[in-house]
Amino acid sequence: MKYLVAWLCASLSVPAFSQSIASFRGDAQHSGIYQHVGVPLLHGVKWKFKTGAAVISTPAVMDGTAYFGSNDHYLYAVSLADGVQRWKFKTGSRVTSSPAVYNGRVYFGSYDGNIYAVDAKSGEQRWKFASEGERRFTGRHLHGSDPAGESMPDPFDFYLSSPVIDAETVYVGSGDGNIYALDAASGALRWKFRTGNVVHASPAIANGMVYIGSWDTYFYAIDAKSGQERWRFKTGEDHEIANQVGIQSSAIIADGMVYFGCRDSNLYALDAVSGVKKWAYPTKGSWVISTPIAKDGTLYFATSDSGLLHAVDARTGVLKYSLSFHHWPMFSSPVIAGQSLYIGSHAGTLIAIDLDKHTTAWTFSTDGAKQNSAALTKKDGDPNYAAAFGDTFYDDLVLGVWKMLSIGAVLSSPVIERDVIYFGSTDGNVYAIS
């Protein structure tokens, strides 16, 4: 993140969602468009559910239940009606993967290195698949931290790849560098495709192709049946401090195009068939972590530490307008219902944007934001990184990241069911607001 690093060193129209599968951004193309009313006017909290640690996972909603993971090592099933727990399933580590629900089962990954399938009603395990082991992206002299000769795991590598299900197959990436295709019923391996580094983006699927990026700097198109590479696209590198490198963003597929963000500070638009670049939008040093979204010929995407939401022409990449949110990073992926766009912020807020007026309609603050934001926010509304990061040493970087997340950051992406929005926060809560 350019501005944080500087401070440390100085001191597409899309179809409605399928109702038979619930997954990250609603469908296999990650379209993010809900055919529901949404919440154009905010009334308040319907319920909130407290877990034992930060919730980075995006909920999956199906049959009156919200399914989500927590850093407390559990996957939860909670009633949409009242927020009452139905069951929880324990794994060996953090669950930052966003679950997918299909045919009575919930599929998700854990930092314990396993992909799980559990019964949606009871929470009983049906199968688990062991990867070659999870890990975070690592880089030497990461983000300018000391010691300069040390390789360090990236504390901003928050997410695990989220499973996507298509044609009775579960597709998911892994920190072991592989992309896996597993039989949805049994968990048996159908194929695996090895990249050159960590894969924590979530696969998008369309027209028999799997689209996904890796931290090896490449974006891949892979045949969904055979696992054979069809094309790859090269993004930028950073051999100095491993800051401007890697694909965390999951792609969206719309109108024959693939759109994804990159930590090389670009939003890319590629032809879905050939992989040829149509355009790239430079963000002047700010990462693009969240998944973009397309509607009515406009592509919307958020940036990290520059705290901007851009609206660009989906065909040309020409800027239409930008909205600024005081340099608070946005890793959360936006969704749209009606003429409102909803997105989470590291400021501990969920923001609703009126797409007709190009203005903020309302902002909801998490409990963490209400309790802790004052000490970590400047008078002008910008993040007060000086209050969190004491030194350029790597250990201080890790501590500073989690101090900033004490604000109750919304890294989870919102999910809309009729007139209710569901999302998680690093304050440990999952909120239902309407």
Protein backbone atom coordinates (compact mmCIF):
# COMPACT_ATOMS: atom_id res chain seq x y z
CA MET A 1 0.00 0.00 0.00
CA LYS A 2 1.78 3.05 -1.32
CA TYR A 3 0.81 5.68 1.25
CA LEU A 4 1.36 3.44 4.27
CA VAL A 5 4.75 2.33 2.91
CA ALA A 6 5.73 5.97 2.34
CA TRP A 7 4.83 6.85 5.91
CA LEU A 8 6.72 3.85 7.36
CA CYS A 9 9.82 4.58 5.35
CA ALA A 10 9.75 8.27 6.24
CA SER A 11 9.21 7.67 9.94
CA LEU A 12 -21.83 -5.13 -18.11
CA SER A 13 -25.35 -6.25 -17.56
CA VAL A 14 -25.57 -9.58 -15.77
CA PRO A 15 -28.26 -12.18 -14.95
CA ALA A 16 -29.91 -12.62 -11.57
CA PHE A 17 -28.26 -15.07 -9.19
CA SER A 18 -29.01 -18.75 -9.39
CA GLN A 19 -31.07 -19.71 -6.36
CA SER A 20 -29.59 -23.24 -6.21
CA ILE A 21 -26.03 -22.11 -5.44
CA ALA A 22 -24.85 -19.48 -2.99
CA SER A 23 -21.20 -18.39 -3.25
CA PHE A 24 -18.90 -15.38 -3.18
CA ARG A 25 -20.55 -12.56 -5.16
CA GLY A 26 -23.52 -14.82 -5.81
CA ASP A 27 -22.60 -16.84 -8.89
CA ALA A 28 -19.76 -18.45 -10.79
CA GLN A 29 -19.06 -15.23 -12.73
CA HIS A 30 -18.88 -13.16 -9.49
CA SER A 31 -21.44 -10.79 -10.98
CA GLY A 32 -22.45 -9.19 -7.64
CA ILE A 33 -25.84 -7.94 -8.88
CA TYR A 34 -28.83 -8.69 -6.64
CA GLN A 35 -32.40 -8.73 -7.87
CA HIS A 36 -33.64 -7.51 -4.51
CA VAL A 37 -34.78 -4.21 -3.05
CA GLY A 38 -31.66 -3.73 -0.96
CA VAL A 39 -31.54 -0.94 1.62
CA PRO A 40 -31.77 2.45 -0.12
CA LEU A 41 -32.72 3.93 3.28
CA LEU A 42 -31.06 2.58 6.42
CA HIS A 43 -33.27 1.91 9.43
CA GLY A 44 -30.95 0.04 11.76
CA VAL A 45 -29.62 -3.30 13.02
CA LYS A 46 -31.91 -6.30 12.65
CA TRP A 47 -29.49 -8.49 14.59
CA LYS A 48 -25.79 -9.07 15.12
CA PHE A 49 -23.99 -12.29 15.88
CA LYS A 50 -20.75 -12.32 17.88
CA THR A 51 -17.99 -14.81 17.06
CA GLY A 52 -14.74 -15.33 18.91
CA ALA A 53 -12.50 -13.41 16.49
CA ALA A 54 -12.45 -11.27 13.34
CA VAL A 55 -14.86 -12.17 10.54
CA ILE A 56 -13.22 -11.67 7.15
CA SER A 57 -15.29 -14.32 5.39
CA THR A 58 -18.24 -13.17 3.28
CA PRO A 59 -21.50 -14.88 4.27
CA ALA A 60 -23.31 -17.24 1.93
CA VAL A 61 -27.09 -17.08 2.25
CA MET A 62 -29.33 -20.04 1.42
CA ASP A 63 -32.69 -21.38 2.66
CA GLY A 64 -33.04 -18.98 5.57
CA THR A 65 -29.49 -19.46 6.83
CA ALA A 66 -26.28 -17.43 6.69
CA TYR A 67 -23.04 -19.43 6.56
CA PHE A 68 -19.72 -17.72 7.33
CA GLY A 69 -16.27 -18.36 8.74
CA SER A 70 -14.38 -16.67 11.56
CA ASN A 71 -10.78 -16.32 12.65
CA ASP A 72 -11.83 -18.27 15.77
CA HIS A 73 -11.47 -21.43 13.55
CA TYR A 74 -15.22 -22.08 13.17
CA LEU A 75 -17.70 -22.07 10.33
CA TYR A 76 -21.09 -20.89 11.55
CA ALA A 77 -24.68 -21.41 10.43
CA VAL A 78 -27.02 -18.69 11.71
CA SER A 79 -30.73 -18.11 11.19
CA LEU A 80 -31.52 -15.17 8.91
CA ALA A 81 -34.70 -14.46 10.84
CA ASP A 82 -33.22 -13.81 14.27
CA GLY A 83 -29.44 -14.35 14.18
CA VAL A 84 -29.63 -17.48 16.36
CA GLN A 85 -26.89 -20.04 15.86
CA ARG A 86 -27.98 -23.30 14.26
CA TRP A 87 -24.61 -25.02 14.41
CA LYS A 88 -20.87 -24.40 14.20
CA PHE A 89 -18.11 -26.56 12.75
CA LYS A 90 -14.56 -26.47 14.10
CA THR A 91 -11.49 -26.51 11.85
CA GLY A 92 -7.82 -26.41 12.74
CA SER A 93 -7.26 -22.72 11.96
CA ARG A 94 -8.79 -19.46 10.71
CA VAL A 95 -11.64 -19.60 8.21
CA THR A 96 -11.25 -16.56 5.96
CA SER A 97 -12.62 -18.37 2.91
CA SER A 98 -16.13 -17.39 1.88
CA PRO A 99 -18.30 -20.52 1.76
CA ALA A 100 -20.32 -21.85 -1.16
CA VAL A 101 -23.58 -23.70 -0.63
CA TYR A 102 -24.82 -26.29 -3.10
CA ASN A 103 -27.04 -29.37 -3.00
CA GLY A 104 -27.34 -29.40 0.78
CA ARG A 105 -23.63 -28.93 1.47
CA VAL A 106 -21.39 -26.05 2.49
CA TYR A 107 -17.92 -25.88 0.92
CA PHE A 108 -15.08 -23.75 2.31
CA GLY A 109 -11.38 -23.63 3.06
CA SER A 110 -9.41 -23.14 6.27
CA TYR A 111 -5.87 -22.05 7.04
CA ASP A 112 -5.35 -25.60 8.32
CA GLY A 113 -4.84 -26.49 4.64
CA ASN A 114 -8.10 -28.37 4.14
CA ILE A 115 -11.09 -27.85 1.89
CA TYR A 116 -14.24 -28.98 3.68
CA ALA A 117 -17.73 -30.09 2.71
CA VAL A 118 -20.22 -30.15 5.57
CA ASP A 119 -23.94 -30.84 5.71
CA ALA A 120 -25.87 -27.57 5.43
CA LYS A 121 -28.53 -28.60 7.94
CA SER A 122 -26.50 -30.40 10.59
CA GLY A 123 -22.94 -29.14 10.16
CA GLU A 124 -21.63 -32.70 10.00
CA GLN A 125 -18.51 -33.24 7.88
CA ARG A 126 -19.10 -35.02 4.58
CA TRP A 127 -15.52 -34.87 3.31
CA LYS A 128 -12.31 -32.91 3.49
CA PHE A 129 -9.51 -32.55 0.98
CA ALA A 130 -5.97 -31.86 2.15
CA SER A 131 -3.96 -29.44 0.04
CA GLU A 132 -0.16 -29.40 0.09
CA GLY A 133 -0.41 -26.82 2.89
CA GLU A 134 -1.64 -23.25 3.23
CA ARG A 135 0.69 -20.27 3.45
CA ARG A 136 0.60 -16.54 2.92
CA PHE A 137 2.48 -14.67 0.22
CA THR A 138 6.02 -13.87 1.35
CA GLY A 139 8.45 -11.25 0.12
CA ARG A 140 11.95 -10.07 0.99
CA HIS A 141 12.10 -6.61 2.63
CA LEU A 142 8.29 -6.71 2.41
CA HIS A 143 6.68 -3.25 2.09
CA GLY A 144 10.05 -1.74 3.06
CA SER A 145 10.13 -3.46 6.47
CA ASP A 146 13.32 -4.41 8.27
CA PRO A 147 15.37 -6.60 8.33
CA ALA A 148 15.86 -5.96 4.62
CA GLY A 149 17.31 -9.40 3.94
CA GLU A 150 14.44 -11.33 5.50
CA SER A 151 11.50 -12.97 3.73
CA MET A 152 8.25 -12.11 5.50
CA PRO A 153 4.64 -13.32 5.23
CA ASP A 154 2.34 -10.54 4.10
CA PRO A 155 -0.02 -9.35 6.88
CA PHE A 156 -2.32 -7.88 4.20
CA ASP A 157 -2.89 -11.35 2.71
CA PHE A 158 -6.17 -11.68 4.61
CA TYR A 159 -8.26 -13.93 2.43
CA LEU A 160 -8.27 -17.55 1.39
CA SER A 161 -9.61 -18.56 -2.01
CA SER A 162 -13.35 -19.16 -1.92
CA PRO A 163 -14.79 -22.25 -3.64
CA VAL A 164 -16.91 -21.91 -6.76
CA ILE A 165 -19.11 -24.77 -7.91
CA ASP A 166 -19.96 -25.58 -11.51
CA ALA A 167 -20.98 -28.85 -13.21
CA GLU A 168 -20.71 -30.84 -9.96
CA THR A 169 -17.14 -29.65 -9.50
CA VAL A 170 -15.63 -27.51 -6.75
CA TYR A 171 -12.92 -25.12 -7.97
CA VAL A 172 -10.64 -23.41 -5.46
CA GLY A 173 -7.15 -21.93 -5.18
CA SER A 174 -4.61 -22.61 -2.45
CA GLY A 175 -1.59 -21.08 -0.76
CA ASP A 176 0.35 -24.12 -1.99
CA GLY A 177 0.25 -22.53 -5.46
CA ASN A 178 -2.30 -24.93 -6.93
CA ILE A 179 -5.78 -24.49 -8.33
CA TYR A 180 -7.88 -27.55 -7.54
CA ALA A 181 -10.91 -29.12 -9.21
CA LEU A 182 -12.67 -31.52 -6.83
CA ASP A 183 -15.70 -33.74 -7.20
CA ALA A 184 -18.49 -31.97 -5.31
CA ALA A 185 -20.01 -35.21 -4.00
CA SER A 186 -16.88 -37.02 -2.82
CA GLY A 187 -14.04 -34.49 -2.69
CA ALA A 188 -11.98 -36.63 -5.07
CA LEU A 189 -9.35 -34.76 -7.07
CA ARG A 190 -10.27 -34.27 -10.73
CA TRP A 191 -7.25 -32.14 -11.60
CA LYS A 192 -4.85 -29.58 -10.20
CA PHE A 193 -3.04 -26.77 -11.96
CA ARG A 194 0.19 -25.45 -10.51
CA THR A 195 1.08 -21.76 -10.62
CA GLY A 196 4.30 -20.18 -9.40
CA ASN A 197 3.06 -18.78 -6.10
CA VAL A 198 0.19 -18.40 -3.64
CA VAL A 199 -3.37 -18.44 -5.07
CA HIS A 200 -5.82 -16.71 -2.74
CA ALA A 201 -8.06 -15.17 -5.39
CA SER A 202 -11.32 -17.00 -6.00
CA PRO A 203 -11.96 -18.65 -9.38
CA ALA A 204 -14.57 -17.27 -11.77
CA ILE A 205 -16.12 -19.63 -14.30
CA ALA A 206 -17.80 -19.01 -17.65
CA ASN A 207 -18.09 -20.85 -20.96
CA GLY A 208 -16.13 -23.86 -19.75
CA MET A 209 -13.17 -21.78 -18.52
CA VAL A 210 -11.77 -21.09 -15.07
CA TYR A 211 -10.32 -17.58 -14.64
CA ILE A 212 -8.03 -16.84 -11.71
CA GLY A 213 -4.94 -14.86 -10.74
CA SER A 214 -1.88 -15.88 -8.74
CA TRP A 215 0.77 -14.07 -6.74
CA ASP A 216 3.23 -15.28 -9.40
CA THR A 217 2.14 -12.17 -11.42
CA TYR A 218 0.07 -14.15 -13.94
CA PHE A 219 -3.64 -14.27 -14.59
CA TYR A 220 -4.77 -17.64 -15.98
CA ALA A 221 -7.55 -19.06 -18.13
CA ILE A 222 -7.83 -22.82 -17.60
CA ASP A 223 -10.07 -25.39 -19.27
CA ALA A 224 -12.64 -26.33 -16.62
CA LYS A 225 -12.83 -30.01 -17.63
CA SER A 226 -9.21 -30.87 -18.33
CA GLY A 227 -7.27 -28.39 -16.23
CA GLN A 228 -5.19 -27.39 -19.24
CA GLU A 229 -3.99 -23.83 -19.59
CA ARG A 230 -5.62 -21.86 -22.42
CA TRP A 231 -3.79 -18.57 -21.91
CA ARG A 232 -2.02 -16.48 -19.32
CA PHE A 233 -1.56 -12.73 -18.88
CA LYS A 234 1.45 -11.10 -17.21
CA THR A 235 1.07 -8.32 -14.63
CA GLY A 236 3.73 -6.20 -12.93
CA GLU A 237 6.63 -7.15 -10.68
CA ASP A 238 8.33 -5.59 -7.66
CA HIS A 239 11.71 -7.08 -6.77
CA GLU A 240 12.60 -4.36 -4.28
CA ILE A 241 9.99 -4.57 -1.50
CA ALA A 242 7.32 -6.96 -2.94
CA ASN A 243 4.70 -4.25 -2.61
CA GLN A 244 3.53 -3.64 -6.18
CA VAL A 245 3.07 -7.28 -7.15
CA GLY A 246 0.49 -10.06 -7.03
CA ILE A 247 -3.16 -10.72 -7.77
CA GLN A 248 -5.39 -10.87 -4.69
CA SER A 249 -8.47 -9.64 -6.53
CA SER A 250 -10.98 -12.16 -7.81
CA ALA A 251 -12.15 -11.60 -11.36
CA ILE A 252 -15.55 -10.75 -12.77
CA ILE A 253 -16.69 -11.98 -16.18
CA ALA A 254 -19.16 -9.84 -18.11
CA ASP A 255 -20.02 -9.33 -21.79
CA GLY A 256 -17.07 -11.32 -23.08
CA MET A 257 -14.56 -9.52 -20.85
CA VAL A 258 -12.60 -10.46 -17.74
CA TYR A 259 -11.93 -7.69 -15.22
CA PHE A 260 -9.61 -7.97 -12.21
CA GLY A 261 -7.46 -5.83 -9.97
CA CYS A 262 -3.81 -6.21 -9.14
CA ARG A 263 -1.35 -5.04 -6.50
CA ASP A 264 0.73 -3.56 -9.33
CA SER A 265 -1.84 -0.74 -9.09
CA ASN A 266 -3.89 -1.49 -12.17
CA LEU A 267 -7.40 -2.62 -12.98
CA TYR A 268 -7.19 -4.87 -16.05
CA ALA A 269 -9.75 -5.61 -18.76
CA LEU A 270 -8.98 -8.66 -20.92
CA ASP A 271 -10.78 -10.42 -23.74
CA ALA A 272 -12.18 -13.58 -22.12
CA VAL A 273 -11.46 -15.81 -25.11
CA SER A 274 -7.95 -14.71 -26.06
CA GLY A 275 -6.58 -13.01 -22.94
CA VAL A 276 -5.65 -9.94 -24.99
CA LYS A 277 -5.56 -6.75 -22.95
CA LYS A 278 -8.28 -4.31 -23.93
CA TRP A 279 -7.31 -1.64 -21.44
CA ALA A 280 -5.80 -1.05 -18.00
CA TYR A 281 -6.67 1.70 -15.53
CA PRO A 282 -3.69 2.88 -13.42
CA THR A 283 -4.42 3.77 -9.79
CA LYS A 284 -1.22 5.74 -9.06
CA GLY A 285 0.31 3.29 -6.61
CA SER A 286 -2.81 2.02 -4.85
CA TRP A 287 -3.65 -1.69 -4.89
CA VAL A 288 -6.90 -3.05 -6.27
CA ILE A 289 -7.86 -5.93 -3.97
CA SER A 290 -11.65 -5.98 -4.19
CA THR A 291 -13.52 -7.57 -7.08
CA PRO A 292 -14.96 -5.03 -9.55
CA ILE A 293 -18.60 -4.95 -10.57
CA ALA A 294 -20.28 -4.07 -13.87
CA LYS A 295 -23.72 -2.63 -14.58
CA ASP A 296 -25.22 -0.84 -17.58
CA GLY A 297 -21.88 -0.33 -19.30
CA THR A 298 -20.10 1.00 -16.22
CA LEU A 299 -17.43 -0.83 -14.24
CA TYR A 300 -17.05 0.09 -10.58
CA PHE A 301 -13.98 -0.77 -8.53
CA ALA A 302 -12.38 0.29 -5.25
CA THR A 303 -8.77 1.02 -4.34
CA SER A 304 -6.79 0.32 -1.21
CA ASP A 305 -5.05 3.16 0.61
CA SER A 306 -6.15 5.91 -1.75
CA GLY A 307 -9.71 5.09 -0.64
CA LEU A 308 -11.42 5.70 -3.98
CA LEU A 309 -14.38 4.18 -5.75
CA HIS A 310 -13.92 4.59 -9.50
CA ALA A 311 -16.64 4.36 -12.14
CA VAL A 312 -15.21 3.78 -15.63
CA ASP A 313 -16.57 2.91 -19.04
CA ALA A 314 -16.53 -0.90 -19.13
CA ARG A 315 -15.47 -1.04 -22.79
CA THR A 316 -12.80 1.65 -22.83
CA GLY A 317 -11.66 2.20 -19.25
CA VAL A 318 -12.32 5.94 -19.52
CA LEU A 319 -13.07 7.46 -16.12
CA LYS A 320 -16.63 8.66 -15.56
CA TYR A 321 -16.26 9.77 -11.94
CA SER A 322 -14.58 8.90 -8.62
CA LEU A 323 -15.73 9.11 -5.02
CA SER A 324 -13.21 9.63 -2.20
CA PHE A 325 -13.42 8.08 1.27
CA HIS A 326 -10.58 9.74 3.19
CA HIS A 327 -7.84 7.31 2.15
CA TRP A 328 -9.40 4.43 4.09
CA PRO A 329 -8.60 1.20 2.21
CA MET A 330 -11.39 -0.84 0.70
CA PHE A 331 -10.67 -4.55 0.30
CA SER A 332 -14.37 -5.45 0.48
CA SER A 333 -15.98 -6.19 -2.89
CA PRO A 334 -18.99 -4.06 -3.88
CA VAL A 335 -22.45 -5.39 -4.70
CA ILE A 336 -25.40 -3.68 -6.34
CA ALA A 337 -29.15 -3.86 -5.71
CA GLY A 338 -31.42 -1.51 -7.61
CA GLN A 339 -29.58 1.79 -8.01
CA SER A 340 -27.50 1.41 -4.87
CA LEU A 341 -23.95 0.09 -4.52
CA TYR A 342 -22.80 -1.28 -1.17
CA ILE A 343 -19.18 -1.72 -0.05
CA GLY A 344 -17.24 -2.16 3.18
CA SER A 345 -14.33 -0.01 4.35
CA HIS A 346 -11.34 -0.40 6.67
CA ALA A 347 -12.83 2.60 8.50
CA GLY A 348 -15.26 0.15 10.11
CA THR A 349 -18.14 1.21 7.90
CA LEU A 350 -20.50 -0.18 5.33
CA ILE A 351 -21.22 2.46 2.70
CA ALA A 352 -24.27 2.77 0.46
CA ILE A 353 -23.78 4.81 -2.72
CA ASP A 354 -26.60 6.22 -4.83
CA LEU A 355 -25.58 5.39 -8.40
CA ASP A 356 -27.97 7.96 -9.88
CA LYS A 357 -26.68 10.86 -7.80
CA HIS A 358 -23.05 9.66 -7.47
CA THR A 359 -23.17 10.37 -3.74
CA THR A 360 -23.12 8.50 -0.45
CA ALA A 361 -26.67 7.61 0.58
CA TRP A 362 -25.80 6.41 4.07
CA THR A 363 -22.99 4.95 6.20
CA PHE A 364 -23.24 2.30 8.90
CA SER A 365 -20.56 2.10 11.60
CA THR A 366 -19.57 -1.15 13.30
CA ASP A 367 -19.22 -1.53 17.05
CA GLY A 368 -15.45 -1.56 16.61
CA ALA A 369 -15.60 1.78 14.81
CA LYS A 370 -17.73 3.33 17.51
CA GLN A 371 -15.31 2.17 20.20
CA ASN A 372 -11.90 2.61 18.59
CA SER A 373 -11.96 4.82 15.51
CA ALA A 374 -11.34 8.13 17.28
CA ALA A 375 -7.84 7.12 18.40
CA LEU A 376 -6.90 5.92 14.92
CA THR A 377 -8.40 8.68 12.80
CA LYS A 378 -6.97 12.11 12.02
CA LYS A 379 -9.03 15.27 12.39
CA ASP A 380 -9.44 15.42 8.60
CA GLY A 381 -10.93 11.90 8.59
CA ASP A 382 -7.86 10.11 7.19
CA PRO A 383 -6.32 7.05 8.89
CA ASN A 384 -3.87 7.94 11.65
CA TYR A 385 -1.17 5.41 10.80
CA ALA A 386 1.28 7.13 13.17
CA ALA A 387 -0.90 5.97 16.07
CA ALA A 388 -0.64 2.34 15.00
CA PHE A 389 2.76 1.82 13.39
CA GLY A 390 5.67 2.49 15.69
CA ASP A 391 8.62 1.51 13.54
CA THR A 392 9.68 0.08 10.17
CA PHE A 393 10.57 -3.27 11.75
CA TYR A 394 8.42 -6.11 10.42
CA ASP A 395 6.97 -7.03 13.83
CA ASP A 396 5.70 -3.47 14.19
CA LEU A 397 4.08 -3.72 10.77
CA VAL A 398 2.10 -6.80 11.84
CA LEU A 399 1.04 -5.19 15.12
CA GLY A 400 0.06 -1.99 13.32
CA VAL A 401 -2.13 -3.81 10.82
CA TRP A 402 -4.16 -5.41 13.60
CA LYS A 403 -4.35 -2.18 15.57
CA MET A 404 -5.96 -0.57 12.54
CA LEU A 405 -8.33 -3.52 12.20
CA SER A 406 -9.51 -2.97 15.79
CA ILE A 407 -11.71 -0.29 14.24
CA GLY A 408 -13.99 -3.10 13.10
CA ALA A 409 -12.96 -2.97 9.46
CA VAL A 410 -15.36 -4.46 6.95
CA LEU A 411 -13.21 -6.73 4.77
CA SER A 412 -16.15 -9.04 4.25
CA SER A 413 -18.32 -8.25 1.23
CA PRO A 414 -22.01 -7.48 1.74
CA VAL A 415 -24.71 -9.99 0.84
CA ILE A 416 -28.27 -8.89 0.17
CA GLU A 417 -31.40 -10.92 0.78
CA ARG A 418 -34.54 -8.90 -0.01
CA ASP A 419 -34.30 -5.80 2.22
CA VAL A 420 -31.51 -6.97 4.55
CA ILE A 421 -27.72 -6.71 4.17
CA TYR A 422 -25.44 -9.26 5.83
CA PHE A 423 -21.70 -8.77 6.35
CA GLY A 424 -18.86 -9.52 8.74
CA SER A 425 -16.42 -7.26 10.57
CA THR A 426 -13.02 -7.57 12.21
CA ASP A 427 -14.73 -6.67 15.49
CA GLY A 428 -15.95 -10.29 15.43
CA ASN A 429 -19.56 -9.54 14.55
CA VAL A 430 -21.72 -10.49 11.62
CA TYR A 431 -24.34 -7.78 11.10
CA ALA A 432 -27.80 -7.92 9.61
CA ILE A 433 -28.97 -4.38 8.83
CA SER A 434 -32.09 -3.12 7.08
